Amino acid sequence: MEKQELENILTKVCKSLTIKIQSSTPKSATDFEDLVRKELANSLSESSVEVDFTPHPQAFPDIELGEYGVEVKYTTADSWRSVANSVLETNRIHSVKHVYLIFGKAGGEPEVRWGRYEDSVMHVRTSHVPRFEVEIGAKEPLFQKMGIPYDQFRQSEMHEKMQYIREYARGRLKRGERLWWLEDRPDQDHSLPIQARLYTKLSMEEKTKLRAECYLLFPQILKSGRTRDKYDDAVLYLLTYHGVLCHQARDLFSAGSVANPKNDKSGGLYVERALQLIEPDLIEAASNMDDALFIEYWGNSVKPENRITEWLKKADEIATGWVPSESLFLN
């Protein structure tokens, strides 16, 4: 079967399905998919292509038609947009080379339309398992935005796919937003803890570890006390990467409780003293933290053995009233 022949059939099928869902709304996506299978089977009855009515429930696309496939979406909303399959396409039917989308919209004026799958994918949701979003009539397909053909993308290794998705996601970030996922390798499984935690309820050991990570990643914490937003990245990092909510960020880095836990009334800059107290923890953080974090927040890859030196350079440029390299890591 030629592509044009199948596309003519899809147009015919969608017209017929539109009439049917206008007269009797399907109760579920499963019911609609059954309708699509029956309509395709009728339209293909005189061809050699058969429609399988007992497919694998997780197969992608939903309906196999030889080298062609049809993914079926249905919504009761007045929208042509829906969440679709995982970018991994783990259960893809390998014999399918060309995928089409049949979309049933029951909201508003009920209608059924079709589109080429690669033209309909318009976004990827960066949740725990990144998933495509599809939209009939998408103005700018996702693969066009990412600069790679769908067929090439789908056959790429997962780490290659994530490079494209990561760049796409970064391009959509608004001021103050950060990516919560940073994996560069398919075997690197980062996900948020199921339960969010309050920083104030953590053990002292974990508090110190997280403070060290934040100081290291965000030297802007050392800016003048009057600087707005200097804690924003640190707070977002704790929340999105560790699932920890810190509602008093200043106290985390420069309060007396962290700079002078003995309360001995000695002077000095609180932030300087706080850093001196956790130098071993800063060194440990520099040695063990994933390089993807430094690429994300510093903008470049830095070898573990060079991170403290690079941090001191950044800190010296940022700090006011003192020079971090003259008082920290002197031993």
Protein backbone atom coordinates (compact mmCIF):
# COMPACT_ATOMS: atom_id res chain seq x y z
CA MET A 1 0.00 0.00 0.00
CA GLU A 2 1.27 3.44 -0.93
CA LYS A 3 1.27 6.29 1.59
CA GLN A 4 -1.18 8.36 -0.44
CA GLU A 5 -3.60 5.45 -0.57
CA LEU A 6 -3.49 5.04 3.19
CA GLU A 7 -3.89 8.78 3.76
CA ASN A 8 -6.99 8.78 1.55
CA ILE A 9 -8.36 5.95 3.68
CA LEU A 10 -7.59 7.87 6.88
CA THR A 11 -9.49 10.89 5.55
CA LYS A 12 -12.48 8.67 4.76
CA VAL A 13 -12.30 6.93 8.15
CA CYS A 14 -12.15 10.24 10.05
CA LYS A 15 -15.21 11.58 8.24
CA SER A 16 -17.16 8.44 9.12
CA LEU A 17 -15.96 8.48 12.73
CA THR A 18 -16.91 12.15 13.11
CA ILE A 19 -20.50 11.33 12.20
CA LYS A 20 -20.53 8.44 14.66
CA ILE A 21 -19.17 10.30 17.69
CA GLN A 22 -21.53 13.21 16.99
CA SER A 23 -24.48 10.84 17.26
CA SER A 24 -23.11 8.69 20.11
CA THR A 25 -20.19 9.85 22.26
CA PRO A 26 -17.72 7.06 23.15
CA LYS A 27 -17.60 6.44 26.89
CA SER A 28 -13.84 5.96 27.00
CA ALA A 29 -10.62 6.08 25.00
CA THR A 30 -10.80 2.27 24.74
CA ASP A 31 -14.25 2.46 23.18
CA PHE A 32 -13.02 5.05 20.70
CA GLU A 33 -10.00 2.93 19.78
CA ASP A 34 -12.32 -0.02 19.13
CA LEU A 35 -14.36 2.20 16.81
CA VAL A 36 -11.21 3.20 14.94
CA ARG A 37 -10.15 -0.43 14.51
CA LYS A 38 -13.54 -1.43 13.14
CA GLU A 39 -13.66 1.51 10.75
CA LEU A 40 -10.14 0.81 9.48
CA ALA A 41 -10.94 -2.89 9.09
CA ASN A 42 -13.99 -2.03 6.95
CA SER A 43 -12.01 0.38 4.80
CA LEU A 44 -9.20 -2.14 4.31
CA SER A 45 -11.41 -5.18 3.74
CA GLU A 46 -10.50 -5.44 0.07
CA SER A 47 -6.75 -5.09 0.69
CA SER A 48 -4.19 -7.55 2.02
CA VAL A 49 -3.75 -5.50 5.23
CA GLU A 50 -5.51 -6.85 8.31
CA VAL A 51 -6.36 -5.08 11.55
CA ASP A 52 -5.42 -6.87 14.78
CA PHE A 53 -8.23 -6.68 17.34
CA THR A 54 -6.16 -8.28 20.14
CA PRO A 55 -2.94 -6.21 20.20
CA HIS A 56 -0.44 -5.94 23.02
CA PRO A 57 -1.92 -3.30 25.39
CA GLN A 58 1.31 -1.29 25.61
CA ALA A 59 2.29 -1.51 21.94
CA PHE A 60 3.22 1.65 20.06
CA PRO A 61 1.57 2.60 17.82
CA ASP A 62 -1.85 1.25 18.80
CA ILE A 63 -2.73 -0.20 15.41
CA GLU A 64 -0.30 -1.97 13.09
CA LEU A 65 -0.99 -1.89 9.36
CA GLY A 66 2.10 -3.50 7.89
CA GLU A 67 4.81 -0.84 7.57
CA TYR A 68 2.28 1.78 8.67
CA GLY A 69 0.89 2.34 12.13
CA VAL A 70 -1.86 4.42 13.72
CA GLU A 71 -1.67 5.89 17.21
CA VAL A 72 -5.14 6.68 18.61
CA LYS A 73 -5.94 9.55 20.98
CA TYR A 74 -9.28 10.56 22.44
CA THR A 75 -10.38 13.40 24.70
CA THR A 76 -13.66 14.61 26.11
CA ALA A 77 -12.23 18.15 26.19
CA ASP A 78 -12.56 20.71 23.42
CA SER A 79 -8.90 20.40 22.51
CA TRP A 80 -6.69 18.76 19.91
CA ARG A 81 -3.86 18.28 22.38
CA SER A 82 -2.97 15.21 24.43
CA VAL A 83 -0.12 13.49 26.27
CA ALA A 84 1.34 10.72 24.12
CA ASN A 85 3.91 7.94 24.41
CA SER A 86 7.28 7.90 26.16
CA VAL A 87 10.23 9.20 24.15
CA LEU A 88 11.90 5.84 24.80
CA GLU A 89 9.31 4.05 22.60
CA THR A 90 10.26 0.88 24.46
CA ASN A 91 7.29 -1.06 23.08
CA ARG A 92 7.47 0.22 19.53
CA ILE A 93 6.39 -2.23 16.84
CA HIS A 94 9.60 -2.53 14.85
CA SER A 95 7.93 -3.37 11.54
CA VAL A 96 6.18 0.03 11.56
CA LYS A 97 8.14 2.65 9.63
CA HIS A 98 5.52 5.39 9.29
CA VAL A 99 3.20 6.45 12.13
CA TYR A 100 -0.06 8.37 11.83
CA LEU A 101 -2.28 9.86 14.51
CA ILE A 102 -6.08 9.58 14.66
CA PHE A 103 -7.50 11.98 17.23
CA GLY A 104 -11.08 11.97 18.49
CA LYS A 105 -12.30 15.18 20.16
CA ALA A 106 -15.63 14.81 21.97
CA GLY A 107 -15.67 18.27 23.57
CA GLY A 108 -17.19 21.28 21.81
CA GLU A 109 -18.17 20.18 18.31
CA PRO A 110 -17.20 16.47 18.23
CA GLU A 111 -14.82 15.66 15.41
CA VAL A 112 -12.14 13.18 14.36
CA ARG A 113 -9.00 14.18 12.49
CA TRP A 114 -5.75 12.55 11.46
CA GLY A 115 -2.19 13.78 11.09
CA ARG A 116 1.31 12.47 10.49
CA TYR A 117 2.80 11.62 13.87
CA GLU A 118 6.06 13.55 13.38
CA ASP A 119 4.04 16.64 12.40
CA SER A 120 1.78 16.31 15.45
CA VAL A 121 4.37 15.95 18.23
CA MET A 122 4.75 19.51 19.48
CA HIS A 123 6.20 19.23 22.99
CA VAL A 124 7.93 16.87 25.38
CA ARG A 125 6.91 16.81 29.03
CA THR A 126 10.03 16.47 31.15
CA SER A 127 8.49 14.41 33.91
CA HIS A 128 10.05 11.30 35.49
CA VAL A 129 9.75 9.55 32.12
CA PRO A 130 9.79 12.21 29.37
CA ARG A 131 6.67 11.89 27.23
CA PHE A 132 5.64 13.49 23.99
CA GLU A 133 2.61 15.73 23.67
CA VAL A 134 0.70 15.70 20.40
CA GLU A 135 -1.60 18.24 18.82
CA ILE A 136 -3.48 17.96 15.55
CA GLY A 137 -2.46 20.91 13.41
CA ALA A 138 0.60 21.79 15.50
CA LYS A 139 2.11 25.05 14.23
CA GLU A 140 5.72 24.05 14.89
CA PRO A 141 6.46 20.34 15.38
CA LEU A 142 8.88 19.41 18.16
CA PHE A 143 11.39 17.76 15.84
CA GLN A 144 11.55 20.90 13.76
CA LYS A 145 12.32 22.87 16.94
CA MET A 146 15.02 20.39 17.93
CA GLY A 147 16.52 20.26 14.44
CA ILE A 148 16.36 16.50 13.95
CA PRO A 149 13.97 14.35 11.84
CA TYR A 150 11.65 12.12 13.89
CA ASP A 151 12.88 8.97 12.18
CA GLN A 152 16.47 9.78 13.13
CA PHE A 153 15.47 10.77 16.67
CA ARG A 154 13.51 7.58 17.35
CA GLN A 155 16.43 5.40 16.27
CA SER A 156 18.95 7.26 18.43
CA GLU A 157 20.30 5.95 21.73
CA MET A 158 18.56 7.32 24.81
CA HIS A 159 21.50 9.49 25.89
CA GLU A 160 21.48 11.06 22.42
CA LYS A 161 17.74 11.71 22.65
CA MET A 162 18.19 13.34 26.05
CA GLN A 163 20.78 15.76 24.67
CA TYR A 164 18.16 17.12 22.27
CA ILE A 165 15.42 17.14 24.90
CA ARG A 166 17.67 18.84 27.46
CA GLU A 167 18.54 21.65 25.04
CA TYR A 168 14.88 22.05 24.10
CA ALA A 169 13.86 22.23 27.77
CA ARG A 170 16.59 24.75 28.62
CA GLY A 171 15.39 26.97 25.81
CA ARG A 172 11.94 27.15 27.45
CA LEU A 173 13.12 28.08 30.94
CA LYS A 174 11.87 31.36 32.35
CA ARG A 175 13.92 33.61 34.62
CA GLY A 176 14.58 31.87 37.91
CA GLU A 177 13.61 28.40 36.63
CA ARG A 178 15.92 25.39 36.53
CA LEU A 179 15.77 21.89 35.15
CA TRP A 180 15.10 19.34 37.88
CA TRP A 181 16.55 16.48 35.83
CA LEU A 182 20.19 16.50 34.83
CA GLU A 183 20.99 12.96 33.72
CA ASP A 184 23.58 12.64 31.00
CA ARG A 185 23.58 8.85 31.01
CA PRO A 186 20.72 6.36 30.64
CA ASP A 187 21.89 4.51 33.78
CA GLN A 188 21.86 7.66 35.91
CA ASP A 189 18.46 7.61 37.57
CA HIS A 190 17.62 10.89 39.28
CA SER A 191 14.11 11.41 40.56
CA LEU A 192 12.58 13.48 43.32
CA PRO A 193 11.86 11.87 46.69
CA ILE A 194 8.19 10.95 46.95
CA GLN A 195 7.82 12.94 50.18
CA ALA A 196 8.95 16.57 50.37
CA ARG A 197 10.92 17.40 53.51
CA LEU A 198 11.45 20.54 55.54
CA TYR A 199 15.08 21.61 55.90
CA THR A 200 14.50 22.36 59.57
CA LYS A 201 13.59 18.71 60.19
CA LEU A 202 16.75 17.21 58.68
CA SER A 203 19.62 15.79 60.69
CA MET A 204 22.58 18.09 61.30
CA GLU A 205 24.73 15.85 59.09
CA GLU A 206 22.38 16.20 56.12
CA LYS A 207 21.93 19.94 56.69
CA THR A 208 25.70 20.43 56.54
CA LYS A 209 26.01 18.30 53.40
CA LEU A 210 23.30 20.29 51.59
CA ARG A 211 24.74 23.63 52.73
CA ALA A 212 28.12 22.62 51.34
CA GLU A 213 26.58 21.68 47.98
CA CYS A 214 24.73 24.99 47.79
CA TYR A 215 27.76 27.11 48.73
CA LEU A 216 29.75 25.31 46.05
CA LEU A 217 27.20 25.49 43.24
CA PHE A 218 26.02 29.01 44.00
CA PRO A 219 28.89 31.36 44.91
CA GLN A 220 26.43 34.25 44.43
CA ILE A 221 25.39 33.47 48.01
CA LEU A 222 28.49 35.47 48.98
CA LYS A 223 27.11 38.69 47.47
CA SER A 224 26.20 41.66 49.63
CA GLY A 225 23.48 41.01 52.18
CA ARG A 226 21.27 43.55 50.41
CA THR A 227 21.39 41.66 47.10
CA ARG A 228 18.00 40.41 46.01
CA ASP A 229 17.49 36.90 44.68
CA LYS A 230 20.94 35.66 45.69
CA TYR A 231 19.41 32.62 47.42
CA ASP A 232 16.86 31.76 44.73
CA ASP A 233 18.95 29.19 42.84
CA ALA A 234 19.97 27.46 46.06
CA VAL A 235 16.37 27.18 47.27
CA LEU A 236 15.21 25.83 43.89
CA TYR A 237 18.09 23.36 43.84
CA LEU A 238 17.20 22.00 47.28
CA LEU A 239 13.57 21.66 46.31
CA THR A 240 13.90 20.22 42.81
CA TYR A 241 16.95 18.04 43.26
CA HIS A 242 16.59 16.91 46.88
CA GLY A 243 12.89 17.47 47.60
CA VAL A 244 13.82 19.75 50.52
CA LEU A 245 11.83 22.90 51.29
CA CYS A 246 13.84 25.71 52.88
CA HIS A 247 11.62 28.66 53.78
CA GLN A 248 14.30 30.74 55.57
CA ALA A 249 17.20 30.67 53.11
CA ARG A 250 19.28 33.40 54.78
CA ASP A 251 19.40 31.48 58.05
CA LEU A 252 20.73 28.48 56.14
CA PHE A 253 23.94 30.24 55.11
CA SER A 254 24.75 33.20 57.32
CA ALA A 255 22.77 33.06 60.57
CA GLY A 256 24.56 32.86 63.91
CA SER A 257 23.48 29.25 64.34
CA VAL A 258 25.67 28.17 61.40
CA ALA A 259 28.47 30.75 61.72
CA ASN A 260 28.88 30.61 65.49
CA PRO A 261 27.24 27.45 66.85
CA LYS A 262 29.11 27.85 70.19
CA ASN A 263 27.63 31.33 70.64
CA ASP A 264 30.95 32.58 72.05
CA LYS A 265 30.34 36.19 70.93
CA SER A 266 33.43 36.27 68.73
CA GLY A 267 33.30 38.68 65.79
CA GLY A 268 33.88 38.34 62.07
CA LEU A 269 31.71 37.95 59.00
CA TYR A 270 29.10 35.30 59.57
CA VAL A 271 29.27 33.93 56.03
CA GLU A 272 33.07 33.69 56.20
CA ARG A 273 32.99 31.87 59.52
CA ALA A 274 30.22 29.56 58.32
CA LEU A 275 32.35 28.53 55.35
CA GLN A 276 35.46 27.99 57.48
CA LEU A 277 33.53 25.61 59.71
CA ILE A 278 32.52 23.34 56.82
CA GLU A 279 35.66 23.37 54.67
CA PRO A 280 35.97 19.53 54.85
CA ASP A 281 32.35 19.22 53.69
CA LEU A 282 32.97 21.60 50.79
CA ILE A 283 35.95 19.49 49.71
CA GLU A 284 33.87 16.32 49.93
CA ALA A 285 31.08 17.92 47.90
CA ALA A 286 33.55 19.05 45.25
CA SER A 287 34.91 15.51 45.00
CA ASN A 288 31.60 13.66 44.82
CA MET A 289 28.99 15.86 43.12
CA ASP A 290 27.95 14.96 39.59
CA ASP A 291 29.64 16.95 36.84
CA ALA A 292 26.22 17.55 35.24
CA LEU A 293 25.44 19.90 38.13
CA PHE A 294 28.47 22.08 37.39
CA ILE A 295 27.61 22.13 33.71
CA GLU A 296 24.08 23.19 34.62
CA TYR A 297 24.93 25.85 37.19
CA TRP A 298 28.46 26.97 36.32
CA GLY A 299 28.06 26.58 32.59
CA ASN A 300 31.00 24.24 32.06
CA SER A 301 32.50 20.90 33.08
CA VAL A 302 35.07 21.06 35.88
CA LYS A 303 37.20 18.16 37.11
CA PRO A 304 36.67 17.35 40.81
CA GLU A 305 40.25 18.23 41.73
CA ASN A 306 39.85 21.70 40.20
CA ARG A 307 36.47 22.64 41.63
CA ILE A 308 37.62 24.31 44.85
CA THR A 309 40.16 26.41 42.95
CA GLU A 310 37.53 27.47 40.42
CA TRP A 311 35.06 28.20 43.19
CA LEU A 312 37.56 30.45 44.95
CA LYS A 313 38.05 32.44 41.74
CA LYS A 314 34.31 32.94 41.44
CA ALA A 315 33.95 33.70 45.15
CA ASP A 316 36.71 36.34 45.07
CA GLU A 317 34.91 38.16 42.27
CA ILE A 318 31.58 38.08 44.07
CA ALA A 319 32.31 38.56 47.78
CA THR A 320 32.22 42.08 49.23
CA GLY A 321 34.23 43.19 52.26
CA TRP A 322 36.52 40.13 52.28
CA VAL A 323 38.57 37.90 49.97
CA PRO A 324 37.61 34.21 50.27
CA SER A 325 40.91 32.91 48.85
CA GLU A 326 42.80 34.71 51.63
CA SER A 327 40.90 33.03 54.45
CA LEU A 328 39.59 29.71 53.13
CA PHE A 329 41.34 26.43 52.26
CA LEU A 330 44.71 27.75 53.39
CA ASN A 331 45.84 24.29 54.51
